[in-house]
Amino acid sequence: MTRTRRWFAQLLAVISISALGGLSARAQGGGEAIDLSRRGSSGLRDISGTWEGTFRLDSTWRLPERATARATPARLRFNPVGDASPTTTSPRSVHSGTFEIDFARFGFTLSTQDALGWSVGADSMRAVLNPTVDHGLVEARGMFRGDTIVGVWRYTADPGGAIGSFEIKKRQ
């Protein structure tokens, strides 16, 4: 099974579990306050909208080009799901979207500016940039901190790759 097929199988499993109500959010003491007004009835965060910030490069290996910068501006846009109204949109849904990140500064390029993103839990999200290929995509995992997402990303290609961190804030 190719990497893309495995990824889509995992994605479908997450969506299936979510659709059956298998995911739930639980408030835990001792941490940051939870803002339930920004979540759907399931407790998951809605990632639709425009997010802006910075992607940082930590390390690369066997890339065809040398990195020319350690950070680059980032903009990700995730669309609302279908024509659903705000009261019926599920934050569990996979949101298609686009990104504007100059990965060439890190020594690699992606073939599209397509993105897929979704909430994983009450405080986390995932995204895949350039999701239609098995090699040459960026996987991002982040944690919500108010209207900001802080996380890590990784690029895998044959034979090289890169890893880094990011911080993006929802644009109002």
N, C-alpha and C. Protein backbone atom coordinates (compact mmCIF):
# COMPACT_ATOMS: atom_id res chain seq x y z
N MET A 1 0.85 -1.17 0.00
CA MET A 1 0.00 0.00 0.00
C MET A 1 0.90 1.24 0.00
N THR A 2 0.61 2.18 -0.89
CA THR A 2 1.43 3.38 -0.96
C THR A 2 1.18 4.26 0.25
N ARG A 3 2.09 5.17 0.46
CA ARG A 3 1.97 6.07 1.61
C ARG A 3 0.68 6.89 1.54
N THR A 4 0.32 7.35 0.32
CA THR A 4 -0.89 8.14 0.17
C THR A 4 -2.11 7.32 0.53
N ARG A 5 -2.17 6.09 0.06
CA ARG A 5 -3.32 5.23 0.39
C ARG A 5 -3.39 4.97 1.88
N ARG A 6 -2.24 4.73 2.52
CA ARG A 6 -2.23 4.53 3.99
C ARG A 6 -2.74 5.78 4.68
N TRP A 7 -2.28 6.96 4.22
CA TRP A 7 -2.69 8.21 4.84
C TRP A 7 -4.20 8.40 4.69
N PHE A 8 -4.75 8.16 3.48
CA PHE A 8 -6.19 8.31 3.28
C PHE A 8 -6.96 7.29 4.09
N ALA A 9 -6.44 6.06 4.24
CA ALA A 9 -7.11 5.05 5.07
C ALA A 9 -7.16 5.51 6.52
N GLN A 10 -6.04 6.09 7.02
CA GLN A 10 -6.02 6.61 8.39
C GLN A 10 -6.99 7.78 8.53
N LEU A 11 -7.02 8.65 7.53
CA LEU A 11 -7.92 9.80 7.55
C LEU A 11 -9.37 9.34 7.60
N LEU A 12 -9.72 8.36 6.77
CA LEU A 12 -11.08 7.84 6.76
C LEU A 12 -11.43 7.20 8.10
N ALA A 13 -10.46 6.54 8.73
CA ALA A 13 -10.71 5.94 10.05
C ALA A 13 -11.02 7.03 11.07
N VAL A 14 -10.27 8.13 11.03
CA VAL A 14 -10.52 9.24 11.95
C VAL A 14 -11.90 9.82 11.70
N ILE A 15 -12.25 10.02 10.42
CA ILE A 15 -13.55 10.57 10.09
C ILE A 15 -14.65 9.61 10.52
N SER A 16 -14.47 8.31 10.30
CA SER A 16 -15.48 7.32 10.69
C SER A 16 -15.68 7.32 12.19
N ILE A 17 -14.60 7.32 12.96
CA ILE A 17 -14.71 7.35 14.42
C ILE A 17 -15.42 8.62 14.86
N SER A 18 -15.06 9.75 14.21
CA SER A 18 -15.70 11.02 14.56
C SER A 18 -17.18 10.98 14.25
N ALA A 19 -17.53 10.43 13.09
CA ALA A 19 -18.94 10.40 12.69
C ALA A 19 -19.77 9.54 13.64
N LEU A 20 -19.15 8.54 14.22
CA LEU A 20 -19.87 7.69 15.17
C LEU A 20 -19.88 8.27 16.58
N GLY A 21 -19.28 9.43 16.74
CA GLY A 21 -19.26 10.07 18.06
C GLY A 21 -18.19 9.48 18.97
N GLY A 22 -17.20 8.82 18.39
CA GLY A 22 -16.17 8.17 19.19
C GLY A 22 -15.16 9.13 19.77
N LEU A 23 -15.13 10.36 19.31
CA LEU A 23 -14.20 11.33 19.85
C LEU A 23 -14.96 12.28 20.76
N SER A 24 -14.39 12.61 21.87
CA SER A 24 -15.02 13.56 22.76
C SER A 24 -13.96 14.43 23.41
N ALA A 25 -14.37 15.56 23.91
CA ALA A 25 -13.44 16.47 24.57
C ALA A 25 -13.69 16.42 26.07
N ARG A 26 -12.61 16.47 26.83
CA ARG A 26 -12.72 16.49 28.28
C ARG A 26 -11.87 17.63 28.81
N ALA A 27 -12.45 18.42 29.68
CA ALA A 27 -11.68 19.50 30.32
C ALA A 27 -10.82 18.88 31.40
N GLN A 28 -9.57 19.33 31.48
CA GLN A 28 -8.68 18.84 32.51
C GLN A 28 -8.18 20.03 33.31
N GLY A 29 -8.09 19.86 34.61
CA GLY A 29 -7.64 20.94 35.48
C GLY A 29 -6.15 21.18 35.35
N GLY A 30 -5.72 22.32 35.82
CA GLY A 30 -4.31 22.64 35.87
C GLY A 30 -3.75 23.19 34.57
N GLY A 31 -4.54 23.28 33.51
CA GLY A 31 -4.04 23.77 32.24
C GLY A 31 -4.67 25.09 31.87
N GLU A 32 -4.48 25.45 30.63
CA GLU A 32 -5.05 26.68 30.10
C GLU A 32 -6.58 26.58 30.09
N ALA A 33 -7.27 27.69 30.31
CA ALA A 33 -8.73 27.70 30.30
C ALA A 33 -9.24 27.29 28.92
N ILE A 34 -10.33 26.57 28.89
CA ILE A 34 -10.91 26.11 27.64
C ILE A 34 -12.03 27.04 27.23
N ASP A 35 -11.96 27.55 26.00
CA ASP A 35 -12.96 28.46 25.47
C ASP A 35 -13.97 27.66 24.66
N LEU A 36 -15.06 27.24 25.28
CA LEU A 36 -16.05 26.42 24.60
C LEU A 36 -16.85 27.19 23.57
N SER A 37 -16.85 28.50 23.62
CA SER A 37 -17.61 29.28 22.66
C SER A 37 -17.02 29.18 21.26
N ARG A 38 -15.78 28.75 21.11
CA ARG A 38 -15.14 28.66 19.80
C ARG A 38 -15.13 27.23 19.29
N ARG A 39 -15.89 26.34 19.93
CA ARG A 39 -15.90 24.94 19.54
C ARG A 39 -17.29 24.52 19.14
N GLY A 40 -17.34 23.45 18.38
CA GLY A 40 -18.63 22.87 18.03
C GLY A 40 -19.19 22.10 19.21
N SER A 41 -20.35 21.50 19.04
CA SER A 41 -20.97 20.76 20.13
C SER A 41 -20.14 19.56 20.55
N SER A 42 -19.25 19.08 19.69
CA SER A 42 -18.40 17.94 20.02
C SER A 42 -17.20 18.34 20.86
N GLY A 43 -16.93 19.65 20.99
CA GLY A 43 -15.75 20.11 21.72
C GLY A 43 -14.54 20.27 20.83
N LEU A 44 -14.61 19.87 19.57
CA LEU A 44 -13.50 20.01 18.64
C LEU A 44 -13.47 21.42 18.08
N ARG A 45 -12.28 21.89 17.73
CA ARG A 45 -12.13 23.24 17.19
C ARG A 45 -12.42 23.28 15.70
N ASP A 46 -13.01 24.36 15.25
CA ASP A 46 -13.27 24.58 13.83
C ASP A 46 -12.06 25.32 13.27
N ILE A 47 -11.36 24.72 12.32
CA ILE A 47 -10.15 25.34 11.79
C ILE A 47 -10.40 26.18 10.55
N SER A 48 -11.67 26.29 10.10
CA SER A 48 -11.92 27.06 8.88
C SER A 48 -11.53 28.52 9.11
N GLY A 49 -11.06 29.14 8.03
CA GLY A 49 -10.63 30.53 8.09
C GLY A 49 -9.19 30.68 7.64
N THR A 50 -8.64 31.86 7.83
CA THR A 50 -7.27 32.17 7.42
C THR A 50 -6.38 32.23 8.65
N TRP A 51 -5.25 31.56 8.56
CA TRP A 51 -4.26 31.50 9.63
C TRP A 51 -2.94 32.05 9.09
N GLU A 52 -2.29 32.95 9.84
CA GLU A 52 -1.03 33.54 9.40
C GLU A 52 0.00 33.46 10.50
N GLY A 53 1.26 33.30 10.10
CA GLY A 53 2.33 33.23 11.09
C GLY A 53 3.65 32.89 10.43
N THR A 54 4.39 31.99 11.08
CA THR A 54 5.75 31.66 10.65
C THR A 54 5.99 30.16 10.71
N PHE A 55 6.64 29.65 9.67
CA PHE A 55 7.18 28.28 9.69
C PHE A 55 8.68 28.41 9.87
N ARG A 56 9.25 27.63 10.78
CA ARG A 56 10.69 27.65 11.07
C ARG A 56 11.31 26.32 10.69
N LEU A 57 12.52 26.37 10.21
CA LEU A 57 13.27 25.17 9.82
C LEU A 57 14.21 24.78 10.94
N ASP A 58 14.15 23.52 11.37
CA ASP A 58 15.08 23.01 12.38
C ASP A 58 16.23 22.26 11.73
N SER A 59 15.92 21.33 10.82
CA SER A 59 17.00 20.58 10.16
C SER A 59 16.51 19.99 8.84
N THR A 60 17.49 19.70 7.96
CA THR A 60 17.22 19.05 6.68
C THR A 60 18.21 17.92 6.49
N TRP A 61 17.90 17.02 5.58
CA TRP A 61 18.84 15.98 5.21
C TRP A 61 18.61 15.61 3.74
N ARG A 62 19.70 15.47 3.02
CA ARG A 62 19.74 15.03 1.63
C ARG A 62 18.74 15.72 0.71
N LEU A 63 18.61 17.01 0.84
CA LEU A 63 17.76 17.78 -0.08
C LEU A 63 18.61 18.26 -1.26
N PRO A 64 18.01 18.41 -2.44
CA PRO A 64 18.78 18.84 -3.61
C PRO A 64 19.30 20.27 -3.50
N GLU A 65 18.63 21.11 -2.75
CA GLU A 65 19.04 22.50 -2.59
C GLU A 65 19.38 22.79 -1.14
N ARG A 66 20.19 23.80 -0.94
CA ARG A 66 20.58 24.23 0.41
C ARG A 66 19.57 25.26 0.92
N ALA A 67 19.23 25.19 2.18
CA ALA A 67 18.33 26.17 2.78
C ALA A 67 18.98 27.55 2.78
N THR A 68 18.19 28.58 2.48
CA THR A 68 18.71 29.95 2.47
C THR A 68 18.14 30.78 3.62
N ALA A 69 17.21 30.18 4.39
CA ALA A 69 16.60 30.89 5.52
C ALA A 69 16.20 29.87 6.57
N ARG A 70 16.03 30.32 7.79
CA ARG A 70 15.58 29.46 8.89
C ARG A 70 14.11 29.69 9.23
N ALA A 71 13.48 30.71 8.61
CA ALA A 71 12.07 30.99 8.87
C ALA A 71 11.46 31.61 7.62
N THR A 72 10.15 31.43 7.47
CA THR A 72 9.44 32.03 6.34
C THR A 72 8.00 32.31 6.75
N PRO A 73 7.43 33.41 6.23
CA PRO A 73 6.02 33.71 6.54
C PRO A 73 5.12 32.59 6.02
N ALA A 74 3.99 32.41 6.69
CA ALA A 74 3.05 31.36 6.31
C ALA A 74 1.62 31.87 6.35
N ARG A 75 0.84 31.43 5.38
CA ARG A 75 -0.60 31.70 5.37
C ARG A 75 -1.29 30.41 4.94
N LEU A 76 -2.22 29.94 5.76
CA LEU A 76 -3.03 28.77 5.44
C LEU A 76 -4.49 29.18 5.48
N ARG A 77 -5.24 28.71 4.49
CA ARG A 77 -6.68 28.99 4.44
C ARG A 77 -7.41 27.66 4.39
N PHE A 78 -8.33 27.46 5.33
CA PHE A 78 -9.16 26.26 5.34
C PHE A 78 -10.61 26.68 5.13
N ASN A 79 -11.24 26.08 4.14
CA ASN A 79 -12.61 26.42 3.77
C ASN A 79 -13.61 25.79 4.72
N PRO A 80 -14.77 26.44 4.91
CA PRO A 80 -15.86 25.77 5.61
C PRO A 80 -16.25 24.54 4.81
N VAL A 81 -16.88 23.61 5.44
CA VAL A 81 -17.27 22.37 4.76
C VAL A 81 -18.56 22.58 3.99
N GLY A 82 -18.51 22.36 2.66
CA GLY A 82 -19.69 22.44 1.82
C GLY A 82 -20.45 23.73 1.96
N ASP A 83 -21.78 23.63 1.84
CA ASP A 83 -22.63 24.80 1.97
C ASP A 83 -23.35 24.80 3.31
N ALA A 84 -22.77 24.11 4.28
CA ALA A 84 -23.39 24.03 5.60
C ALA A 84 -23.41 25.39 6.27
N SER A 85 -24.42 25.61 7.08
CA SER A 85 -24.51 26.85 7.84
C SER A 85 -23.58 26.75 9.05
N PRO A 86 -23.27 27.87 9.69
CA PRO A 86 -22.40 27.82 10.87
C PRO A 86 -22.95 26.90 11.97
N THR A 87 -24.27 26.72 12.03
CA THR A 87 -24.83 25.87 13.09
C THR A 87 -24.78 24.39 12.73
N THR A 88 -24.56 24.06 11.44
CA THR A 88 -24.50 22.65 11.06
C THR A 88 -23.13 22.19 10.63
N THR A 89 -22.17 23.10 10.49
CA THR A 89 -20.82 22.71 10.11
C THR A 89 -20.19 21.93 11.25
N SER A 90 -19.59 20.80 10.92
CA SER A 90 -18.93 19.98 11.92
C SER A 90 -17.44 20.29 11.94
N PRO A 91 -16.88 20.66 13.09
CA PRO A 91 -15.45 20.91 13.14
C PRO A 91 -14.65 19.62 12.95
N ARG A 92 -15.31 18.46 13.04
CA ARG A 92 -14.64 17.19 12.80
C ARG A 92 -14.34 16.98 11.33
N SER A 93 -14.96 17.73 10.47
CA SER A 93 -14.83 17.54 9.05
C SER A 93 -13.44 17.89 8.56
N VAL A 94 -13.08 17.29 7.42
CA VAL A 94 -11.83 17.63 6.77
C VAL A 94 -12.08 18.86 5.92
N HIS A 95 -11.25 19.88 6.14
CA HIS A 95 -11.40 21.16 5.45
C HIS A 95 -10.36 21.24 4.33
N SER A 96 -10.82 21.40 3.10
CA SER A 96 -9.88 21.64 2.01
C SER A 96 -9.42 23.08 2.10
N GLY A 97 -8.29 23.37 1.49
CA GLY A 97 -7.80 24.73 1.52
C GLY A 97 -6.54 24.89 0.71
N THR A 98 -5.85 25.98 0.98
CA THR A 98 -4.61 26.31 0.29
C THR A 98 -3.60 26.86 1.29
N PHE A 99 -2.35 26.93 0.85
CA PHE A 99 -1.31 27.52 1.69
C PHE A 99 -0.40 28.39 0.84
N GLU A 100 0.20 29.37 1.50
CA GLU A 100 1.23 30.22 0.90
C GLU A 100 2.41 30.20 1.85
N ILE A 101 3.35 29.31 1.55
CA ILE A 101 4.57 29.17 2.35
C ILE A 101 5.71 28.93 1.36
N ASP A 102 6.76 29.73 1.43
CA ASP A 102 7.88 29.62 0.49
C ASP A 102 8.88 28.58 0.99
N PHE A 103 8.54 27.30 0.76
CA PHE A 103 9.42 26.22 1.21
C PHE A 103 10.73 26.19 0.43
N ALA A 104 10.82 26.87 -0.72
CA ALA A 104 12.08 26.93 -1.48
C ALA A 104 13.19 27.53 -0.60
N ARG A 105 12.82 28.40 0.32
CA ARG A 105 13.81 28.98 1.25
C ARG A 105 14.41 27.91 2.16
N PHE A 106 13.69 26.78 2.32
CA PHE A 106 14.18 25.68 3.15
C PHE A 106 14.87 24.59 2.33
N GLY A 107 14.91 24.76 0.99
CA GLY A 107 15.63 23.81 0.14
C GLY A 107 14.75 22.82 -0.60
N PHE A 108 13.43 23.02 -0.60
CA PHE A 108 12.55 22.12 -1.34
C PHE A 108 11.31 22.88 -1.79
N THR A 109 10.60 22.33 -2.74
CA THR A 109 9.34 22.92 -3.20
C THR A 109 8.27 21.83 -3.23
N LEU A 110 7.03 22.25 -3.16
CA LEU A 110 5.90 21.34 -3.26
C LEU A 110 5.22 21.58 -4.60
N SER A 111 4.59 20.54 -5.15
CA SER A 111 4.02 20.64 -6.50
C SER A 111 2.68 21.36 -6.56
N THR A 112 1.98 21.49 -5.42
CA THR A 112 0.72 22.23 -5.40
C THR A 112 0.68 23.12 -4.17
N GLN A 113 -0.33 23.96 -4.09
CA GLN A 113 -0.56 24.76 -2.89
C GLN A 113 -1.84 24.29 -2.21
N ASP A 114 -2.22 23.03 -2.45
CA ASP A 114 -3.42 22.45 -1.84
C ASP A 114 -3.13 22.03 -0.41
N ALA A 115 -4.17 22.08 0.43
CA ALA A 115 -4.03 21.69 1.83
C ALA A 115 -5.31 20.99 2.29
N LEU A 116 -5.16 20.10 3.25
CA LEU A 116 -6.28 19.49 3.97
C LEU A 116 -6.00 19.66 5.45
N GLY A 117 -7.00 20.03 6.23
CA GLY A 117 -6.81 20.20 7.66
C GLY A 117 -8.02 19.71 8.43
N TRP A 118 -7.81 19.29 9.69
CA TRP A 118 -8.91 18.82 10.53
C TRP A 118 -8.51 18.87 11.99
N SER A 119 -9.50 18.95 12.86
CA SER A 119 -9.27 18.89 14.30
C SER A 119 -9.12 17.43 14.69
N VAL A 120 -8.21 17.16 15.60
CA VAL A 120 -7.98 15.80 16.07
C VAL A 120 -8.61 15.61 17.43
N GLY A 121 -8.58 16.63 18.24
CA GLY A 121 -9.14 16.59 19.57
C GLY A 121 -9.54 17.99 19.99
N ALA A 122 -9.89 18.13 21.24
CA ALA A 122 -10.33 19.42 21.75
C ALA A 122 -9.24 20.48 21.66
N ASP A 123 -7.98 20.04 21.62
CA ASP A 123 -6.90 21.02 21.65
C ASP A 123 -5.86 20.81 20.55
N SER A 124 -6.15 19.99 19.54
CA SER A 124 -5.13 19.75 18.53
C SER A 124 -5.71 19.65 17.12
N MET A 125 -4.83 19.84 16.14
CA MET A 125 -5.23 19.78 14.74
C MET A 125 -4.10 19.15 13.93
N ARG A 126 -4.44 18.75 12.73
CA ARG A 126 -3.46 18.24 11.78
C ARG A 126 -3.76 18.83 10.41
N ALA A 127 -2.72 18.90 9.60
CA ALA A 127 -2.88 19.36 8.22
C ALA A 127 -1.86 18.64 7.35
N VAL A 128 -2.22 18.48 6.09
CA VAL A 128 -1.30 17.94 5.09
C VAL A 128 -1.27 18.95 3.94
N LEU A 129 -0.07 19.38 3.60
CA LEU A 129 0.13 20.32 2.50
C LEU A 129 0.64 19.53 1.31
N ASN A 130 0.04 19.74 0.14
CA ASN A 130 0.34 18.97 -1.07
C ASN A 130 -0.11 17.52 -0.87
N PRO A 131 -1.39 17.31 -0.51
CA PRO A 131 -1.85 16.00 -0.05
C PRO A 131 -2.05 14.93 -1.12
N THR A 132 -1.90 15.25 -2.39
CA THR A 132 -2.21 14.27 -3.43
C THR A 132 -1.02 13.43 -3.86
N VAL A 133 0.10 13.53 -3.18
CA VAL A 133 1.30 12.75 -3.53
C VAL A 133 1.74 11.90 -2.35
N ASP A 134 2.52 10.81 -2.64
CA ASP A 134 3.00 10.01 -1.52
C ASP A 134 4.34 10.52 -0.99
N HIS A 135 5.16 11.12 -1.84
CA HIS A 135 6.43 11.71 -1.39
C HIS A 135 6.39 13.17 -1.80
N GLY A 136 6.90 14.02 -0.94
CA GLY A 136 6.90 15.44 -1.26
C GLY A 136 5.72 16.18 -0.67
N LEU A 137 5.27 15.75 0.49
CA LEU A 137 4.20 16.46 1.19
C LEU A 137 4.71 16.92 2.55
N VAL A 138 4.01 17.87 3.13
CA VAL A 138 4.35 18.36 4.46
C VAL A 138 3.21 17.97 5.39
N GLU A 139 3.54 17.32 6.50
CA GLU A 139 2.56 16.99 7.52
C GLU A 139 2.78 17.92 8.71
N ALA A 140 1.71 18.54 9.18
CA ALA A 140 1.79 19.48 10.31
C ALA A 140 0.86 19.02 11.42
N ARG A 141 1.34 19.11 12.66
CA ARG A 141 0.55 18.77 13.84
C ARG A 141 0.69 19.92 14.82
N GLY A 142 -0.45 20.41 15.31
CA GLY A 142 -0.39 21.57 16.20
C GLY A 142 -1.36 21.50 17.35
N MET A 143 -1.10 22.34 18.33
CA MET A 143 -1.92 22.47 19.53
C MET A 143 -2.48 23.89 19.57
N PHE A 144 -3.77 24.00 19.90
CA PHE A 144 -4.41 25.30 20.03
C PHE A 144 -3.97 25.97 21.32
N ARG A 145 -3.65 27.24 21.23
CA ARG A 145 -3.35 28.11 22.37
C ARG A 145 -4.15 29.39 22.12
N GLY A 146 -5.42 29.38 22.54
CA GLY A 146 -6.31 30.50 22.22
C GLY A 146 -6.60 30.49 20.73
N ASP A 147 -6.34 31.62 20.05
CA ASP A 147 -6.54 31.70 18.60
C ASP A 147 -5.24 31.43 17.84
N THR A 148 -4.27 30.81 18.49
CA THR A 148 -2.99 30.49 17.89
C THR A 148 -2.82 28.98 17.87
N ILE A 149 -2.15 28.48 16.84
CA ILE A 149 -1.78 27.07 16.77
C ILE A 149 -0.26 27.02 16.77
N VAL A 150 0.31 26.23 17.67
CA VAL A 150 1.75 26.03 17.78
C VAL A 150 2.02 24.56 17.53
N GLY A 151 2.99 24.26 16.65
CA GLY A 151 3.22 22.86 16.36
C GLY A 151 4.51 22.57 15.63
N VAL A 152 4.56 21.37 15.08
CA VAL A 152 5.73 20.89 14.34
C VAL A 152 5.28 20.42 12.96
N TRP A 153 6.22 20.43 12.02
CA TRP A 153 5.95 19.96 10.67
C TRP A 153 7.10 19.09 10.22
N ARG A 154 6.81 18.22 9.22
CA ARG A 154 7.87 17.42 8.62
C ARG A 154 7.60 17.24 7.14
N TYR A 155 8.67 17.27 6.38
CA TYR A 155 8.64 17.07 4.93
C TYR A 155 9.39 15.78 4.65
N THR A 156 8.77 14.89 3.90
CA THR A 156 9.43 13.65 3.54
C THR A 156 9.42 13.50 2.03
N ALA A 157 10.59 13.22 1.48
CA ALA A 157 10.74 13.01 0.05
C ALA A 157 11.83 11.95 -0.13
N ASP A 158 11.98 11.50 -1.34
CA ASP A 158 13.00 10.49 -1.60
C ASP A 158 14.21 11.16 -2.19
N PRO A 159 15.33 11.21 -1.57
CA PRO A 159 15.76 10.52 -0.35
C PRO A 159 15.85 11.42 0.87
N GLY A 160 15.41 12.68 0.78
CA GLY A 160 15.66 13.63 1.85
C GLY A 160 14.43 14.04 2.61
N GLY A 161 14.62 15.07 3.42
CA GLY A 161 13.51 15.58 4.19
C GLY A 161 13.90 16.78 5.03
N ALA A 162 12.94 17.27 5.79
CA ALA A 162 13.17 18.43 6.65
C ALA A 162 12.15 18.40 7.78
N ILE A 163 12.51 19.02 8.90
CA ILE A 163 11.59 19.16 10.02
C ILE A 163 11.70 20.57 10.57
N GLY A 164 10.63 20.99 11.23
CA GLY A 164 10.64 22.32 11.81
C GLY A 164 9.45 22.54 12.71
N SER A 165 9.22 23.78 13.05
CA SER A 165 8.11 24.16 13.92
C SER A 165 7.34 25.29 13.25
N PHE A 166 6.16 25.56 13.79
CA PHE A 166 5.37 26.67 13.25
C PHE A 166 4.51 27.28 14.33
N GLU A 167 4.11 28.51 14.08
CA GLU A 167 3.14 29.21 14.92
C GLU A 167 2.28 30.05 13.99
N ILE A 168 0.98 29.81 14.02
CA ILE A 168 0.04 30.56 13.18
C ILE A 168 -1.11 31.06 14.03
N LYS A 169 -1.62 32.23 13.69
CA LYS A 169 -2.71 32.84 14.44
C LYS A 169 -3.87 33.06 13.51
N LYS A 170 -5.08 32.84 14.01
CA LYS A 170 -6.28 33.03 13.20
C LYS A 170 -6.45 34.51 12.94
N ARG A 171 -6.62 34.86 11.66
CA ARG A 171 -6.83 36.25 11.27
C ARG A 171 -8.31 36.56 11.42
N GLN A 172 -8.62 37.65 12.07
CA GLN A 172 -10.02 38.00 12.33
C GLN A 172 -10.62 38.76 11.20
